[in-house]
Amino acid sequence: MTDFIKGLRNFRRGAWEMVASALIAAGVVMLMQPFALALFSWSFVVTLTGTVMFIIVSHFPE
């Protein structure tokens, strides 16, 4: 089992911050793409979820 999976399972900050950052980045990419309206429609929800998740995860132990 890798350190990343162990960090997710044990609720460690580093692994969950990467997941939250990836969600934020995916939401921004979804917002800027000009092809699919469905992706654009869900971009705000994905970005908001990643942001709230990042705020919560920042209180996890190292």
PDB file of N, CA and C in Angstrom:
ATOM      1  N   MET A   1       0.844  -1.176   0.000  1.00  0.00           N
ATOM      2  CA  MET A   1       0.000   0.000   0.000  1.00  0.00           C
ATOM      3  C   MET A   1       0.890   1.241   0.000  1.00  0.00           C
ATOM      4  N   THR A   2       0.605   2.190  -0.847  1.00  0.00           N
ATOM      5  CA  THR A   2       1.470   3.367  -0.957  1.00  0.00           C
ATOM      6  C   THR A   2       1.195   4.342   0.183  1.00  0.00           C
ATOM      7  N   ASP A   3       2.107   5.305   0.335  1.00  0.00           N
ATOM      8  CA  ASP A   3       1.946   6.323   1.375  1.00  0.00           C
ATOM      9  C   ASP A   3       0.713   7.190   1.122  1.00  0.00           C
ATOM     10  N   PHE A   4       0.401   7.409  -0.144  1.00  0.00           N
ATOM     11  CA  PHE A   4      -0.782   8.219  -0.467  1.00  0.00           C
ATOM     12  C   PHE A   4      -2.059   7.552   0.025  1.00  0.00           C
ATOM     13  N   ILE A   5      -2.202   6.269  -0.249  1.00  0.00           N
ATOM     14  CA  ILE A   5      -3.393   5.530   0.190  1.00  0.00           C
ATOM     15  C   ILE A   5      -3.450   5.468   1.717  1.00  0.00           C
ATOM     16  N   LYS A   6      -2.302   5.264   2.348  1.00  0.00           N
ATOM     17  CA  LYS A   6      -2.255   5.246   3.815  1.00  0.00           C
ATOM     18  C   LYS A   6      -2.662   6.605   4.375  1.00  0.00           C
ATOM     19  N   GLY A   7      -2.228   7.672   3.740  1.00  0.00           N
ATOM     20  CA  GLY A   7      -2.591   9.013   4.194  1.00  0.00           C
ATOM     21  C   GLY A   7      -4.080   9.283   4.063  1.00  0.00           C
ATOM     22  N   LEU A   8      -4.684   8.788   2.978  1.00  0.00           N
ATOM     23  CA  LEU A   8      -6.128   8.948   2.816  1.00  0.00           C
ATOM     24  C   LEU A   8      -6.880   8.162   3.881  1.00  0.00           C
ATOM     25  N   ARG A   9      -6.437   6.954   4.105  1.00  0.00           N
ATOM     26  CA  ARG A   9      -7.130   6.079   5.048  1.00  0.00           C
ATOM     27  C   ARG A   9      -6.995   6.594   6.476  1.00  0.00           C
ATOM     28  N   ASN A  10      -5.857   7.169   6.817  1.00  0.00           N
ATOM     29  CA  ASN A  10      -5.607   7.647   8.178  1.00  0.00           C
ATOM     30  C   ASN A  10      -5.943   9.127   8.357  1.00  0.00           C
ATOM     31  N   PHE A  11      -6.569   9.732   7.365  1.00  0.00           N
ATOM     32  CA  PHE A  11      -6.963  11.146   7.414  1.00  0.00           C
ATOM     33  C   PHE A  11      -5.779  12.053   7.731  1.00  0.00           C
ATOM     34  N   ARG A  12      -4.730  11.928   6.932  1.00  0.00           N
ATOM     35  CA  ARG A  12      -3.573  12.809   7.065  1.00  0.00           C
ATOM     36  C   ARG A  12      -3.712  13.968   6.100  1.00  0.00           C
ATOM     37  N   ARG A  13      -3.152  15.101   6.472  1.00  0.00           N
ATOM     38  CA  ARG A  13      -3.357  16.340   5.732  1.00  0.00           C
ATOM     39  C   ARG A  13      -2.813  16.295   4.308  1.00  0.00           C
ATOM     40  N   GLY A  14      -1.623  15.779   4.118  1.00  0.00           N
ATOM     41  CA  GLY A  14      -0.969  15.852   2.811  1.00  0.00           C
ATOM     42  C   GLY A  14      -1.759  15.202   1.691  1.00  0.00           C
ATOM     43  N   ALA A  15      -2.223  13.989   1.922  1.00  0.00           N
ATOM     44  CA  ALA A  15      -2.948  13.265   0.875  1.00  0.00           C
ATOM     45  C   ALA A  15      -4.288  13.923   0.570  1.00  0.00           C
ATOM     46  N   TRP A  16      -5.012  14.328   1.600  1.00  0.00           N
ATOM     47  CA  TRP A  16      -6.326  14.942   1.382  1.00  0.00           C
ATOM     48  C   TRP A  16      -6.210  16.332   0.773  1.00  0.00           C
ATOM     49  N   GLU A  17      -5.129  17.065   1.094  1.00  0.00           N
ATOM     50  CA  GLU A  17      -4.926  18.372   0.454  1.00  0.00           C
ATOM     51  C   GLU A  17      -4.687  18.211  -1.043  1.00  0.00           C
ATOM     52  N   MET A  18      -3.992  17.148  -1.436  1.00  0.00           N
ATOM     53  CA  MET A  18      -3.787  16.906  -2.865  1.00  0.00           C
ATOM     54  C   MET A  18      -5.108  16.618  -3.567  1.00  0.00           C
ATOM     55  N   VAL A  19      -5.979  15.841  -2.927  1.00  0.00           N
ATOM     56  CA  VAL A  19      -7.287  15.541  -3.513  1.00  0.00           C
ATOM     57  C   VAL A  19      -8.117  16.825  -3.636  1.00  0.00           C
ATOM     58  N   ALA A  20      -8.115  17.638  -2.585  1.00  0.00           N
ATOM     59  CA  ALA A  20      -8.872  18.890  -2.618  1.00  0.00           C
ATOM     60  C   ALA A  20      -8.319  19.836  -3.682  1.00  0.00           C
ATOM     61  N   SER A  21      -7.013  19.918  -3.793  1.00  0.00           N
ATOM     62  CA  SER A  21      -6.404  20.778  -4.816  1.00  0.00           C
ATOM     63  C   SER A  21      -6.727  20.288  -6.219  1.00  0.00           C
ATOM     64  N   ALA A  22      -6.750  18.977  -6.398  1.00  0.00           N
ATOM     65  CA  ALA A  22      -7.105  18.420  -7.705  1.00  0.00           C
ATOM     66  C   ALA A  22      -8.557  18.739  -8.053  1.00  0.00           C
ATOM     67  N   LEU A  23      -9.448  18.701  -7.062  1.00  0.00           N
ATOM     68  CA  LEU A  23     -10.844  19.071  -7.313  1.00  0.00           C
ATOM     69  C   LEU A  23     -10.966  20.541  -7.710  1.00  0.00           C
ATOM     70  N   ILE A  24     -10.238  21.409  -7.029  1.00  0.00           N
ATOM     71  CA  ILE A  24     -10.264  22.835  -7.365  1.00  0.00           C
ATOM     72  C   ILE A  24      -9.748  23.041  -8.785  1.00  0.00           C
ATOM     73  N   ALA A  25      -8.636  22.395  -9.118  1.00  0.00           N
ATOM     74  CA  ALA A  25      -8.073  22.533 -10.466  1.00  0.00           C
ATOM     75  C   ALA A  25      -9.027  21.984 -11.525  1.00  0.00           C
ATOM     76  N   ALA A  26      -9.663  20.853 -11.238  1.00  0.00           N
ATOM     77  CA  ALA A  26     -10.620  20.291 -12.193  1.00  0.00           C
ATOM     78  C   ALA A  26     -11.799  21.222 -12.391  1.00  0.00           C
ATOM     79  N   GLY A  27     -12.267  21.849 -11.323  1.00  0.00           N
ATOM     80  CA  GLY A  27     -13.371  22.794 -11.438  1.00  0.00           C
ATOM     81  C   GLY A  27     -13.014  24.002 -12.281  1.00  0.00           C
ATOM     82  N   VAL A  28     -11.797  24.499 -12.130  1.00  0.00           N
ATOM     83  CA  VAL A  28     -11.359  25.648 -12.934  1.00  0.00           C
ATOM     84  C   VAL A  28     -11.231  25.261 -14.401  1.00  0.00           C
ATOM     85  N   VAL A  29     -10.689  24.091 -14.671  1.00  0.00           N
ATOM     86  CA  VAL A  29     -10.585  23.609 -16.061  1.00  0.00           C
ATOM     87  C   VAL A  29     -11.973  23.431 -16.663  1.00  0.00           C
ATOM     88  N   MET A  30     -12.890  22.876 -15.868  1.00  0.00           N
ATOM     89  CA  MET A  30     -14.269  22.706 -16.348  1.00  0.00           C
ATOM     90  C   MET A  30     -14.908  24.056 -16.661  1.00  0.00           C
ATOM     91  N   LEU A  31     -14.567  25.077 -15.886  1.00  0.00           N
ATOM     92  CA  LEU A  31     -15.123  26.411 -16.092  1.00  0.00           C
ATOM     93  C   LEU A  31     -14.609  27.047 -17.372  1.00  0.00           C
ATOM     94  N   MET A  32     -13.364  26.756 -17.741  1.00  0.00           N
ATOM     95  CA  MET A  32     -12.751  27.431 -18.885  1.00  0.00           C
ATOM     96  C   MET A  32     -12.900  26.712 -20.209  1.00  0.00           C
ATOM     97  N   GLN A  33     -13.349  25.465 -20.190  1.00  0.00           N
ATOM     98  CA  GLN A  33     -13.446  24.737 -21.455  1.00  0.00           C
ATOM     99  C   GLN A  33     -14.686  25.189 -22.239  1.00  0.00           C
ATOM    100  N   PRO A  34     -14.587  25.287 -23.555  1.00  0.00           N
ATOM    101  CA  PRO A  34     -15.708  25.803 -24.354  1.00  0.00           C
ATOM    102  C   PRO A  34     -16.568  24.726 -25.029  1.00  0.00           C
ATOM    103  N   PHE A  35     -16.384  23.441 -24.713  1.00  0.00           N
ATOM    104  CA  PHE A  35     -16.995  22.386 -25.499  1.00  0.00           C
ATOM    105  C   PHE A  35     -18.269  21.808 -24.905  1.00  0.00           C
ATOM    106  N   ALA A  36     -18.275  21.501 -23.629  1.00  0.00           N
ATOM    107  CA  ALA A  36     -19.398  20.775 -23.026  1.00  0.00           C
ATOM    108  C   ALA A  36     -20.112  21.655 -22.003  1.00  0.00           C
ATOM    109  N   LEU A  37     -21.373  21.901 -22.239  1.00  0.00           N
ATOM    110  CA  LEU A  37     -22.152  22.725 -21.327  1.00  0.00           C
ATOM    111  C   LEU A  37     -22.354  22.035 -19.980  1.00  0.00           C
ATOM    112  N   ALA A  38     -22.434  20.721 -19.973  1.00  0.00           N
ATOM    113  CA  ALA A  38     -22.614  19.987 -18.719  1.00  0.00           C
ATOM    114  C   ALA A  38     -21.399  20.176 -17.798  1.00  0.00           C
ATOM    115  N   LEU A  39     -20.201  20.130 -18.362  1.00  0.00           N
ATOM    116  CA  LEU A  39     -19.007  20.376 -17.551  1.00  0.00           C
ATOM    117  C   LEU A  39     -18.997  21.792 -16.997  1.00  0.00           C
ATOM    118  N   PHE A  40     -19.360  22.755 -17.839  1.00  0.00           N
ATOM    119  CA  PHE A  40     -19.425  24.142 -17.392  1.00  0.00           C
ATOM    120  C   PHE A  40     -20.457  24.303 -16.283  1.00  0.00           C
ATOM    121  N   SER A  41     -21.583  23.617 -16.396  1.00  0.00           N
ATOM    122  CA  SER A  41     -22.647  23.731 -15.409  1.00  0.00           C
ATOM    123  C   SER A  41     -22.232  23.184 -14.047  1.00  0.00           C
ATOM    124  N   TRP A  42     -21.416  22.146 -14.020  1.00  0.00           N
ATOM    125  CA  TRP A  42     -20.999  21.541 -12.767  1.00  0.00           C
ATOM    126  C   TRP A  42     -19.703  22.144 -12.213  1.00  0.00           C
ATOM    127  N   SER A  43     -19.081  23.052 -12.944  1.00  0.00           N
ATOM    128  CA  SER A  43     -17.775  23.576 -12.537  1.00  0.00           C
ATOM    129  C   SER A  43     -17.830  24.307 -11.199  1.00  0.00           C
ATOM    130  N   PHE A  44     -18.868  25.096 -10.971  1.00  0.00           N
ATOM    131  CA  PHE A  44     -18.955  25.831  -9.713  1.00  0.00           C
ATOM    132  C   PHE A  44     -19.083  24.876  -8.530  1.00  0.00           C
ATOM    133  N   VAL A  45     -19.902  23.847  -8.672  1.00  0.00           N
ATOM    134  CA  VAL A  45     -20.107  22.877  -7.590  1.00  0.00           C
ATOM    135  C   VAL A  45     -18.803  22.148  -7.279  1.00  0.00           C
ATOM    136  N   VAL A  46     -18.070  21.766  -8.313  1.00  0.00           N
ATOM    137  CA  VAL A  46     -16.804  21.046  -8.115  1.00  0.00           C
ATOM    138  C   VAL A  46     -15.777  21.949  -7.451  1.00  0.00           C
ATOM    139  N   THR A  47     -15.678  23.194  -7.897  1.00  0.00           N
ATOM    140  CA  THR A  47     -14.731  24.134  -7.305  1.00  0.00           C
ATOM    141  C   THR A  47     -15.094  24.433  -5.855  1.00  0.00           C
ATOM    142  N   LEU A  48     -16.363  24.635  -5.591  1.00  0.00           N
ATOM    143  CA  LEU A  48     -16.815  24.908  -4.228  1.00  0.00           C
ATOM    144  C   LEU A  48     -16.567  23.713  -3.312  1.00  0.00           C
ATOM    145  N   THR A  49     -16.820  22.519  -3.795  1.00  0.00           N
ATOM    146  CA  THR A  49     -16.566  21.308  -3.010  1.00  0.00           C
ATOM    147  C   THR A  49     -15.081  21.186  -2.670  1.00  0.00           C
ATOM    148  N   GLY A  50     -14.233  21.427  -3.656  1.00  0.00           N
ATOM    149  CA  GLY A  50     -12.795  21.370  -3.409  1.00  0.00           C
ATOM    150  C   GLY A  50     -12.336  22.422  -2.418  1.00  0.00           C
ATOM    151  N   THR A  51     -12.911  23.612  -2.488  1.00  0.00           N
ATOM    152  CA  THR A  51     -12.529  24.688  -1.574  1.00  0.00           C
ATOM    153  C   THR A  51     -12.955  24.378  -0.148  1.00  0.00           C
ATOM    154  N   VAL A  52     -14.196  23.946   0.026  1.00  0.00           N
ATOM    155  CA  VAL A  52     -14.675  23.587   1.370  1.00  0.00           C
ATOM    156  C   VAL A  52     -13.886  22.397   1.915  1.00  0.00           C
ATOM    157  N   MET A  53     -13.614  21.453   1.050  1.00  0.00           N
ATOM    158  CA  MET A  53     -12.831  20.288   1.464  1.00  0.00           C
ATOM    159  C   MET A  53     -11.431  20.710   1.905  1.00  0.00           C
ATOM    160  N   PHE A  54     -10.823  21.648   1.191  1.00  0.00           N
ATOM    161  CA  PHE A  54      -9.484  22.127   1.545  1.00  0.00           C
ATOM    162  C   PHE A  54      -9.507  22.816   2.907  1.00  0.00           C
ATOM    163  N   ILE A  55     -10.547  23.592   3.175  1.00  0.00           N
ATOM    164  CA  ILE A  55     -10.653  24.273   4.474  1.00  0.00           C
ATOM    165  C   ILE A  55     -10.772  23.254   5.602  1.00  0.00           C
ATOM    166  N   ILE A  56     -11.578  22.224   5.393  1.00  0.00           N
ATOM    167  CA  ILE A  56     -11.758  21.194   6.416  1.00  0.00           C
ATOM    168  C   ILE A  56     -10.474  20.388   6.604  1.00  0.00           C
ATOM    169  N   VAL A  57      -9.853  20.022   5.506  1.00  0.00           N
ATOM    170  CA  VAL A  57      -8.656  19.182   5.542  1.00  0.00           C
ATOM    171  C   VAL A  57      -7.485  19.912   6.192  1.00  0.00           C
ATOM    172  N   SER A  58      -7.469  21.225   6.114  1.00  0.00           N
ATOM    173  CA  SER A  58      -6.349  21.974   6.709  1.00  0.00           C
ATOM    174  C   SER A  58      -6.304  21.829   8.225  1.00  0.00           C
ATOM    175  N   HIS A  59      -7.356  21.280   8.820  1.00  0.00           N
ATOM    176  CA  HIS A  59      -7.367  21.047  10.257  1.00  0.00           C
ATOM    177  C   HIS A  59      -6.971  19.620  10.623  1.00  0.00           C
ATOM    178  N   PHE A  60      -6.697  18.773   9.636  1.00  0.00           N
ATOM    179  CA  PHE A  60      -6.268  17.394   9.887  1.00  0.00           C
ATOM    180  C   PHE A  60      -4.835  17.409  10.415  1.00  0.00           C
ATOM    181  N   PRO A  61      -4.427  16.356  11.144  1.00  0.00           N
ATOM    182  CA  PRO A  61      -3.038  16.294  11.622  1.00  0.00           C
ATOM    183  C   PRO A  61      -2.072  15.990  10.482  1.00  0.00           C
ATOM    184  N   GLU A  62      -0.835  16.384  10.686  1.00  0.00           N
ATOM    185  CA  GLU A  62       0.215  16.098   9.706  1.00  0.00           C
ATOM    186  C   GLU A  62       0.374  14.621   9.620  1.00  0.00           C
TER     187      GLU A  62
END
